[in-house]
Every structure is written in structure tokens, then in C-alpha cells.
Amino acid sequence: MKAQIVKVNQKTVVLKNEKGVFATVSKNKLDFDYKLGDLITLEKDGDEVYFLPMSAPSLHSKNDFWDDSNLVKEIEKDASVEDEGDGKAISGALLCIVFLLVGYYVAYYICCGAAIGCLIYSISKLSSAKSWKKGVAIVLIIIAVILLIGEISIASRNGL
């Protein structure tokens, strides 16, 4: 199936096929150089969809899968999931560490509660992070947990 790139956003690309159906695809799915107006080829193998440059050799399939509205929804869902949580796990863990450091000096209970909330948020966004950002987020979460345990033990010894 052929499609044309009709719009390029920061993290997604909008495609229009030969029948006029539009789909939004994550830029991560296109592993080649492209620009607005380029024609690309889409191939399907089971549940997996491959995006190829028009110059790539292609076998024409008799199955026209583009009319399958569920497939278009799956492609768009993949694009939105990748954009949604990327980087939020890292920012949540960093915010947790900041709250813990501030809470050590002032407003212990408020900052400790906020830090726990940020830690939970960061852990919940961990599954949607990209692989290299996931590793950074895990390290920051471990640091935050160590700080939290240390701060709670210091506060309990001082009678807070």
C-alpha cells in the first residue's frame, strides 16, 4: 500500500493513503530519511506494520489492510502512547529528590508528602518511558528512595 506524508509534527507524521484515509504515525516508526510530500510503502506481516521508503523493493499484497479501521486506531494509539509518558518518569523522580532536599531543611511533612506523591507518579510513568530514559529514571528513583528512607530515619531520631 502506498501513502504520502502530508504533515510532519514534532513527534508524529500524518500519512494519507491512496484511498484518502489519514493516519497519524510516530516518527520512531519511520527509520529512514523523509520529508513532507514523500511517498512511502506500508507492508503488513501479521499484526506488525512496516513503513518503507518508496525506493525500497516491495511485493504487492492482495490484502488491502488500510480499510481496517482498527489498524488505523492501533497505529495512532502507538503514536500517542510513545509521546504521552516519555520523560515524565525522569521529571517525577527529579522533583521527588528536590522535595526531599528542601524538606530536610524546611516544611518536612509537606515536602515529604509531596516527594512520596512524585515518587509514585514517577513509578507509574516508568513503563511508558523509552529504554534509555527508563534506565535514567530507575537510577533517579533509587536515589529518591534512599533519600526518603534516610530522611525518615533522621526525622524519627529527632522526634519529628
N, C-alpha and C. Protein backbone atom coordinates (compact mmCIF):
# COMPACT_ATOMS: atom_id res chain seq x y z
N MET A 1 0.85 -1.17 0.00
CA MET A 1 0.00 0.00 0.00
C MET A 1 0.89 1.23 0.00
N LYS A 2 0.54 2.21 -0.80
CA LYS A 2 1.29 3.45 -0.86
C LYS A 2 0.59 4.51 -0.01
N ALA A 3 1.40 5.40 0.58
CA ALA A 3 0.87 6.51 1.35
C ALA A 3 1.79 7.70 1.14
N GLN A 4 1.24 8.89 1.36
CA GLN A 4 2.02 10.11 1.21
C GLN A 4 2.10 10.82 2.55
N ILE A 5 3.26 11.39 2.84
CA ILE A 5 3.44 12.17 4.07
C ILE A 5 2.83 13.54 3.82
N VAL A 6 1.75 13.85 4.58
CA VAL A 6 1.05 15.11 4.35
C VAL A 6 1.29 16.13 5.46
N LYS A 7 1.83 15.68 6.60
CA LYS A 7 2.11 16.62 7.69
C LYS A 7 3.19 16.01 8.57
N VAL A 8 4.13 16.84 8.99
CA VAL A 8 5.20 16.39 9.87
C VAL A 8 5.13 17.24 11.13
N ASN A 9 4.83 16.61 12.27
CA ASN A 9 4.78 17.28 13.57
C ASN A 9 6.07 17.00 14.32
N GLN A 10 6.14 17.48 15.56
CA GLN A 10 7.36 17.30 16.35
C GLN A 10 7.66 15.82 16.62
N LYS A 11 6.61 15.03 16.95
CA LYS A 11 6.84 13.63 17.29
C LYS A 11 6.06 12.66 16.40
N THR A 12 5.21 13.18 15.51
CA THR A 12 4.38 12.31 14.67
C THR A 12 4.42 12.76 13.22
N VAL A 13 3.96 11.87 12.36
CA VAL A 13 3.83 12.13 10.93
C VAL A 13 2.42 11.71 10.52
N VAL A 14 1.75 12.54 9.72
CA VAL A 14 0.42 12.22 9.24
C VAL A 14 0.55 11.67 7.82
N LEU A 15 -0.04 10.50 7.59
CA LEU A 15 0.00 9.83 6.29
C LEU A 15 -1.38 9.82 5.66
N LYS A 16 -1.41 9.86 4.34
CA LYS A 16 -2.66 9.74 3.60
C LYS A 16 -2.44 8.66 2.55
N ASN A 17 -3.33 7.64 2.56
CA ASN A 17 -3.14 6.55 1.61
C ASN A 17 -3.82 6.86 0.28
N GLU A 18 -3.77 5.90 -0.62
CA GLU A 18 -4.32 6.08 -1.97
C GLU A 18 -5.83 6.30 -1.97
N LYS A 19 -6.49 5.83 -0.92
CA LYS A 19 -7.94 5.94 -0.84
C LYS A 19 -8.39 7.17 -0.06
N GLY A 20 -7.45 7.98 0.39
CA GLY A 20 -7.79 9.20 1.12
C GLY A 20 -7.94 9.03 2.61
N VAL A 21 -7.52 7.88 3.16
CA VAL A 21 -7.61 7.64 4.61
C VAL A 21 -6.35 8.18 5.26
N PHE A 22 -6.54 8.92 6.36
CA PHE A 22 -5.42 9.51 7.09
C PHE A 22 -5.09 8.68 8.32
N ALA A 23 -3.81 8.69 8.70
CA ALA A 23 -3.37 8.03 9.94
C ALA A 23 -2.19 8.81 10.49
N THR A 24 -2.13 8.90 11.80
CA THR A 24 -1.01 9.55 12.47
C THR A 24 -0.07 8.47 12.98
N VAL A 25 1.22 8.61 12.66
CA VAL A 25 2.22 7.60 12.98
C VAL A 25 3.35 8.27 13.75
N SER A 26 3.89 7.59 14.74
CA SER A 26 5.04 8.08 15.48
C SER A 26 6.25 8.15 14.55
N LYS A 27 7.07 9.18 14.71
CA LYS A 27 8.29 9.31 13.90
C LYS A 27 9.24 8.14 14.12
N ASN A 28 9.14 7.49 15.29
CA ASN A 28 10.02 6.36 15.59
C ASN A 28 9.77 5.18 14.66
N LYS A 29 8.58 5.11 14.07
CA LYS A 29 8.26 4.01 13.16
C LYS A 29 8.93 4.17 11.80
N LEU A 30 9.31 5.39 11.45
CA LEU A 30 9.93 5.65 10.15
C LEU A 30 11.44 5.72 10.33
N ASP A 31 12.11 4.62 10.00
CA ASP A 31 13.55 4.51 10.22
C ASP A 31 14.34 4.88 8.96
N PHE A 32 13.93 5.93 8.29
CA PHE A 32 14.61 6.39 7.09
C PHE A 32 14.38 7.89 6.96
N ASP A 33 15.16 8.52 6.07
CA ASP A 33 15.01 9.96 5.85
C ASP A 33 13.76 10.21 5.02
N TYR A 34 13.00 11.21 5.38
CA TYR A 34 11.76 11.55 4.68
C TYR A 34 11.52 13.05 4.81
N LYS A 35 10.62 13.54 3.99
CA LYS A 35 10.21 14.93 4.08
C LYS A 35 8.75 15.03 3.65
N LEU A 36 8.16 16.16 3.87
CA LEU A 36 6.77 16.40 3.52
C LEU A 36 6.56 16.14 2.03
N GLY A 37 5.55 15.36 1.70
CA GLY A 37 5.23 15.05 0.31
C GLY A 37 5.80 13.75 -0.19
N ASP A 38 6.72 13.12 0.56
CA ASP A 38 7.31 11.85 0.12
C ASP A 38 6.27 10.75 0.11
N LEU A 39 6.44 9.84 -0.84
CA LEU A 39 5.61 8.64 -0.89
C LEU A 39 6.35 7.53 -0.17
N ILE A 40 5.60 6.74 0.62
CA ILE A 40 6.18 5.60 1.32
C ILE A 40 5.32 4.38 1.06
N THR A 41 5.87 3.22 1.35
CA THR A 41 5.16 1.96 1.20
C THR A 41 4.91 1.37 2.57
N LEU A 42 3.70 0.84 2.76
CA LEU A 42 3.34 0.17 4.01
C LEU A 42 3.13 -1.30 3.71
N GLU A 43 3.75 -2.14 4.52
CA GLU A 43 3.61 -3.59 4.39
C GLU A 43 3.15 -4.14 5.73
N LYS A 44 2.36 -5.19 5.70
CA LYS A 44 1.85 -5.78 6.93
C LYS A 44 2.26 -7.25 6.99
N ASP A 45 2.73 -7.65 8.19
CA ASP A 45 3.07 -9.04 8.45
C ASP A 45 2.41 -9.41 9.78
N GLY A 46 1.28 -10.07 9.71
CA GLY A 46 0.53 -10.39 10.93
C GLY A 46 0.00 -9.11 11.54
N ASP A 47 0.41 -8.84 12.78
CA ASP A 47 -0.01 -7.62 13.47
C ASP A 47 0.98 -6.48 13.28
N GLU A 48 2.14 -6.76 12.72
CA GLU A 48 3.19 -5.76 12.58
C GLU A 48 3.05 -5.03 11.25
N VAL A 49 3.18 -3.69 11.30
CA VAL A 49 3.14 -2.85 10.10
C VAL A 49 4.52 -2.27 9.90
N TYR A 50 5.04 -2.37 8.68
CA TYR A 50 6.35 -1.85 8.33
C TYR A 50 6.20 -0.66 7.42
N PHE A 51 6.98 0.38 7.68
CA PHE A 51 6.97 1.59 6.88
C PHE A 51 8.29 1.64 6.12
N LEU A 52 8.22 1.67 4.80
CA LEU A 52 9.41 1.61 3.96
C LEU A 52 9.46 2.82 3.03
N PRO A 53 10.67 3.28 2.69
CA PRO A 53 10.75 4.35 1.70
C PRO A 53 10.29 3.83 0.34
N MET A 54 9.83 4.70 -0.50
CA MET A 54 9.29 4.29 -1.80
C MET A 54 10.36 3.60 -2.65
N SER A 55 11.63 3.93 -2.40
CA SER A 55 12.71 3.33 -3.19
C SER A 55 12.98 1.87 -2.80
N ALA A 56 12.45 1.41 -1.66
CA ALA A 56 12.66 0.03 -1.23
C ALA A 56 11.85 -0.91 -2.11
N PRO A 57 12.43 -2.07 -2.47
CA PRO A 57 11.67 -3.03 -3.26
C PRO A 57 10.47 -3.55 -2.46
N SER A 58 9.35 -3.71 -3.13
CA SER A 58 8.14 -4.11 -2.43
C SER A 58 7.38 -5.13 -3.25
N LEU A 59 6.83 -6.12 -2.56
CA LEU A 59 5.92 -7.06 -3.19
C LEU A 59 4.52 -6.55 -2.97
N HIS A 60 3.71 -6.52 -4.02
CA HIS A 60 2.36 -6.00 -3.87
C HIS A 60 1.48 -7.07 -3.25
N SER A 61 0.82 -6.70 -2.19
CA SER A 61 -0.03 -7.62 -1.46
C SER A 61 -1.46 -7.53 -1.98
N LYS A 62 -2.13 -8.66 -2.03
CA LYS A 62 -3.53 -8.66 -2.45
C LYS A 62 -4.44 -8.22 -1.32
N ASN A 63 -3.95 -8.34 -0.08
CA ASN A 63 -4.75 -7.91 1.07
C ASN A 63 -4.57 -6.42 1.28
N ASP A 64 -5.63 -5.67 1.11
CA ASP A 64 -5.58 -4.25 1.38
C ASP A 64 -6.05 -4.04 2.80
N PHE A 65 -5.10 -3.82 3.71
CA PHE A 65 -5.43 -3.75 5.13
C PHE A 65 -5.77 -2.35 5.58
N TRP A 66 -5.57 -1.34 4.75
CA TRP A 66 -5.73 0.04 5.18
C TRP A 66 -7.19 0.37 5.53
N ASP A 67 -8.13 -0.36 4.95
CA ASP A 67 -9.54 -0.11 5.26
C ASP A 67 -9.90 -0.58 6.65
N ASP A 68 -9.05 -1.38 7.26
CA ASP A 68 -9.30 -1.89 8.60
C ASP A 68 -9.16 -0.74 9.60
N SER A 69 -10.29 -0.21 10.07
CA SER A 69 -10.25 0.96 10.95
C SER A 69 -9.55 0.64 12.27
N ASN A 70 -9.60 -0.61 12.71
CA ASN A 70 -8.91 -0.98 13.95
C ASN A 70 -7.41 -0.83 13.80
N LEU A 71 -6.88 -1.13 12.62
CA LEU A 71 -5.45 -1.00 12.38
C LEU A 71 -5.04 0.47 12.44
N VAL A 72 -5.82 1.35 11.83
CA VAL A 72 -5.52 2.77 11.87
C VAL A 72 -5.54 3.26 13.31
N LYS A 73 -6.51 2.79 14.11
CA LYS A 73 -6.58 3.18 15.51
C LYS A 73 -5.38 2.66 16.29
N GLU A 74 -4.91 1.44 15.98
CA GLU A 74 -3.75 0.88 16.66
C GLU A 74 -2.50 1.69 16.35
N ILE A 75 -2.33 2.09 15.09
CA ILE A 75 -1.17 2.88 14.70
C ILE A 75 -1.19 4.21 15.45
N GLU A 76 -2.35 4.86 15.49
CA GLU A 76 -2.45 6.14 16.18
C GLU A 76 -2.28 5.99 17.68
N LYS A 77 -2.74 4.87 18.24
CA LYS A 77 -2.58 4.62 19.67
C LYS A 77 -1.11 4.46 20.01
N ASP A 78 -0.35 3.75 19.16
CA ASP A 78 1.08 3.59 19.38
C ASP A 78 1.76 4.94 19.41
N ALA A 79 1.38 5.84 18.51
CA ALA A 79 1.99 7.16 18.46
C ALA A 79 1.67 7.96 19.71
N SER A 80 0.45 7.89 20.19
CA SER A 80 0.07 8.68 21.36
C SER A 80 0.68 8.12 22.63
N VAL A 81 0.82 6.81 22.74
CA VAL A 81 1.41 6.21 23.94
C VAL A 81 2.87 6.58 24.05
N GLU A 82 3.59 6.57 22.94
CA GLU A 82 5.01 6.90 22.99
C GLU A 82 5.22 8.35 23.39
N ASP A 83 4.36 9.25 22.92
CA ASP A 83 4.52 10.65 23.23
C ASP A 83 4.06 10.98 24.64
N GLU A 84 3.10 10.23 25.15
CA GLU A 84 2.43 10.57 26.40
C GLU A 84 3.35 10.54 27.61
N GLY A 85 4.03 9.45 27.85
CA GLY A 85 4.77 9.31 29.11
C GLY A 85 6.25 9.52 29.00
N ASP A 86 6.74 9.79 27.83
CA ASP A 86 8.16 9.90 27.63
C ASP A 86 8.73 11.09 28.40
N GLY A 87 9.66 10.87 29.30
CA GLY A 87 10.30 11.92 30.06
C GLY A 87 9.61 12.25 31.37
N LYS A 88 8.38 11.81 31.56
CA LYS A 88 7.66 12.14 32.79
C LYS A 88 8.18 11.36 33.98
N ALA A 89 8.70 10.18 33.75
CA ALA A 89 9.26 9.38 34.85
C ALA A 89 10.51 10.07 35.40
N ILE A 90 11.33 10.62 34.51
CA ILE A 90 12.55 11.31 34.95
C ILE A 90 12.19 12.58 35.70
N SER A 91 11.26 13.37 35.15
CA SER A 91 10.91 14.62 35.82
C SER A 91 10.25 14.38 37.17
N GLY A 92 9.45 13.32 37.28
CA GLY A 92 8.84 12.99 38.56
C GLY A 92 9.87 12.60 39.60
N ALA A 93 10.87 11.82 39.21
CA ALA A 93 11.92 11.41 40.14
C ALA A 93 12.78 12.60 40.56
N LEU A 94 13.09 13.48 39.61
CA LEU A 94 13.88 14.67 39.95
C LEU A 94 13.12 15.58 40.91
N LEU A 95 11.84 15.74 40.66
CA LEU A 95 11.01 16.57 41.54
C LEU A 95 10.94 15.96 42.94
N CYS A 96 10.89 14.65 43.02
CA CYS A 96 10.89 13.95 44.31
C CYS A 96 12.18 14.26 45.07
N ILE A 97 13.31 14.19 44.39
CA ILE A 97 14.60 14.47 45.03
C ILE A 97 14.65 15.92 45.51
N VAL A 98 14.16 16.85 44.71
CA VAL A 98 14.14 18.26 45.11
C VAL A 98 13.29 18.45 46.36
N PHE A 99 12.09 17.85 46.38
CA PHE A 99 11.24 17.96 47.56
C PHE A 99 11.92 17.39 48.80
N LEU A 100 12.61 16.28 48.65
CA LEU A 100 13.28 15.67 49.80
C LEU A 100 14.42 16.55 50.31
N LEU A 101 15.16 17.16 49.41
CA LEU A 101 16.26 18.03 49.83
C LEU A 101 15.73 19.30 50.51
N VAL A 102 14.66 19.87 49.98
CA VAL A 102 14.06 21.04 50.60
C VAL A 102 13.43 20.65 51.93
N GLY A 103 12.78 19.51 51.98
CA GLY A 103 12.12 19.05 53.20
C GLY A 103 13.08 18.77 54.34
N TYR A 104 14.32 18.53 54.01
CA TYR A 104 15.33 18.30 55.05
C TYR A 104 15.52 19.56 55.88
N TYR A 105 15.36 20.72 55.26
CA TYR A 105 15.58 22.00 55.95
C TYR A 105 14.30 22.68 56.42
N VAL A 106 13.24 22.65 55.61
CA VAL A 106 12.00 23.34 55.97
C VAL A 106 10.80 22.51 55.56
N ALA A 107 9.69 22.71 56.23
CA ALA A 107 8.39 22.10 55.91
C ALA A 107 8.52 20.60 55.64
N TYR A 108 9.05 19.89 56.65
CA TYR A 108 9.34 18.46 56.47
C TYR A 108 8.12 17.66 56.03
N TYR A 109 7.00 17.78 56.73
CA TYR A 109 5.83 16.94 56.44
C TYR A 109 5.25 17.25 55.06
N ILE A 110 5.17 18.51 54.70
CA ILE A 110 4.62 18.89 53.39
C ILE A 110 5.53 18.39 52.27
N CYS A 111 6.82 18.64 52.41
CA CYS A 111 7.76 18.23 51.37
C CYS A 111 7.88 16.71 51.28
N CYS A 112 7.84 16.03 52.41
CA CYS A 112 7.93 14.57 52.41
C CYS A 112 6.70 13.97 51.73
N GLY A 113 5.53 14.52 52.01
CA GLY A 113 4.30 14.04 51.36
C GLY A 113 4.33 14.29 49.86
N ALA A 114 4.80 15.48 49.46
CA ALA A 114 4.90 15.79 48.04
C ALA A 114 5.92 14.88 47.36
N ALA A 115 7.01 14.58 48.04
CA ALA A 115 8.04 13.71 47.48
C ALA A 115 7.50 12.30 47.26
N ILE A 116 6.72 11.82 48.20
CA ILE A 116 6.13 10.48 48.05
C ILE A 116 5.17 10.47 46.87
N GLY A 117 4.39 11.53 46.72
CA GLY A 117 3.48 11.64 45.57
C GLY A 117 4.24 11.66 44.26
N CYS A 118 5.33 12.41 44.20
CA CYS A 118 6.15 12.46 42.98
C CYS A 118 6.79 11.12 42.69
N LEU A 119 7.19 10.42 43.73
CA LEU A 119 7.80 9.11 43.57
C LEU A 119 6.80 8.11 42.99
N ILE A 120 5.58 8.13 43.49
CA ILE A 120 4.53 7.25 42.97
C ILE A 120 4.23 7.60 41.51
N TYR A 121 4.13 8.89 41.21
CA TYR A 121 3.88 9.34 39.83
C TYR A 121 5.00 8.87 38.90
N SER A 122 6.23 9.03 39.33
CA SER A 122 7.37 8.62 38.52
C SER A 122 7.37 7.12 38.25
N ILE A 123 7.05 6.34 39.24
CA ILE A 123 7.00 4.89 39.06
C ILE A 123 5.87 4.51 38.11
N SER A 124 4.75 5.22 38.20
CA SER A 124 3.62 4.89 37.30
C SER A 124 3.92 5.23 35.85
N LYS A 125 4.77 6.23 35.60
CA LYS A 125 5.11 6.62 34.22
C LYS A 125 6.32 5.86 33.69
N LEU A 126 6.91 5.02 34.49
CA LEU A 126 8.13 4.31 34.11
C LEU A 126 7.91 3.36 32.94
N SER A 127 6.75 2.72 32.87
CA SER A 127 6.52 1.74 31.82
C SER A 127 6.42 2.36 30.43
N SER A 128 6.06 3.64 30.34
CA SER A 128 5.91 4.26 29.03
C SER A 128 7.17 5.01 28.58
N ALA A 129 8.22 4.98 29.38
CA ALA A 129 9.45 5.67 29.02
C ALA A 129 10.25 4.84 28.02
N LYS A 130 11.02 5.53 27.18
CA LYS A 130 11.91 4.83 26.24
C LYS A 130 13.03 4.16 27.02
N SER A 131 13.69 3.21 26.39
CA SER A 131 14.64 2.36 27.10
C SER A 131 15.76 3.15 27.79
N TRP A 132 16.39 4.10 27.11
CA TRP A 132 17.50 4.82 27.76
C TRP A 132 16.98 5.76 28.83
N LYS A 133 15.79 6.33 28.65
CA LYS A 133 15.22 7.19 29.67
C LYS A 133 14.71 6.37 30.85
N LYS A 134 14.32 5.14 30.59
CA LYS A 134 13.87 4.26 31.66
C LYS A 134 15.01 3.96 32.61
N GLY A 135 16.20 3.73 32.09
CA GLY A 135 17.37 3.46 32.93
C GLY A 135 17.72 4.66 33.80
N VAL A 136 17.68 5.85 33.21
CA VAL A 136 17.96 7.07 33.98
C VAL A 136 16.90 7.25 35.06
N ALA A 137 15.65 7.03 34.71
CA ALA A 137 14.56 7.19 35.68
C ALA A 137 14.70 6.20 36.82
N ILE A 138 15.08 4.97 36.54
CA ILE A 138 15.25 3.96 37.59
C ILE A 138 16.36 4.38 38.56
N VAL A 139 17.46 4.88 38.03
CA VAL A 139 18.56 5.34 38.89
C VAL A 139 18.08 6.49 39.79
N LEU A 140 17.35 7.45 39.20
CA LEU A 140 16.85 8.57 39.98
C LEU A 140 15.83 8.13 41.03
N ILE A 141 15.00 7.16 40.68
CA ILE A 141 14.03 6.63 41.64
C ILE A 141 14.74 5.95 42.81
N ILE A 142 15.79 5.20 42.52
CA ILE A 142 16.56 4.54 43.59
C ILE A 142 17.19 5.59 44.50
N ILE A 143 17.75 6.65 43.92
CA ILE A 143 18.34 7.73 44.72
C ILE A 143 17.26 8.37 45.59
N ALA A 144 16.09 8.61 45.01
CA ALA A 144 14.99 9.23 45.76
C ALA A 144 14.54 8.34 46.91
N VAL A 145 14.46 7.05 46.68
CA VAL A 145 14.05 6.12 47.75
C VAL A 145 15.08 6.12 48.88
N ILE A 146 16.36 6.11 48.53
CA ILE A 146 17.41 6.14 49.55
C ILE A 146 17.33 7.43 50.36
N LEU A 147 17.13 8.57 49.66
CA LEU A 147 16.97 9.85 50.36
C LEU A 147 15.75 9.84 51.27
N LEU A 148 14.66 9.28 50.78
CA LEU A 148 13.43 9.23 51.56
C LEU A 148 13.62 8.39 52.83
N ILE A 149 14.23 7.24 52.70
CA ILE A 149 14.49 6.38 53.86
C ILE A 149 15.41 7.09 54.85
N GLY A 150 16.45 7.73 54.34
CA GLY A 150 17.38 8.46 55.21
C GLY A 150 16.70 9.61 55.92
N GLU A 151 15.88 10.34 55.21
CA GLU A 151 15.20 11.49 55.80
C GLU A 151 14.20 11.05 56.86
N ILE A 152 13.48 9.98 56.60
CA ILE A 152 12.52 9.47 57.59
C ILE A 152 13.24 8.98 58.84
N SER A 153 14.38 8.33 58.66
CA SER A 153 15.12 7.83 59.84
C SER A 153 15.70 8.99 60.65
N ILE A 154 16.18 10.03 60.00
CA ILE A 154 16.70 11.21 60.71
C ILE A 154 15.58 11.91 61.47
N ALA A 155 14.41 12.03 60.80
CA ALA A 155 13.28 12.70 61.43
C ALA A 155 12.77 11.90 62.63
N SER A 156 12.77 10.58 62.52
CA SER A 156 12.29 9.78 63.65
C SER A 156 13.25 9.85 64.84
N ARG A 157 14.55 9.95 64.56
CA ARG A 157 15.54 10.09 65.65
C ARG A 157 15.42 11.47 66.33
N ASN A 158 15.04 12.48 65.57
CA ASN A 158 14.94 13.84 66.12
C ASN A 158 13.56 14.15 66.68
N GLY A 159 12.67 13.19 66.61
CA GLY A 159 11.35 13.35 67.20
C GLY A 159 10.37 14.14 66.36
N LEU A 160 10.57 14.20 65.08
CA LEU A 160 9.62 14.91 64.21
C LEU A 160 8.46 14.05 63.89
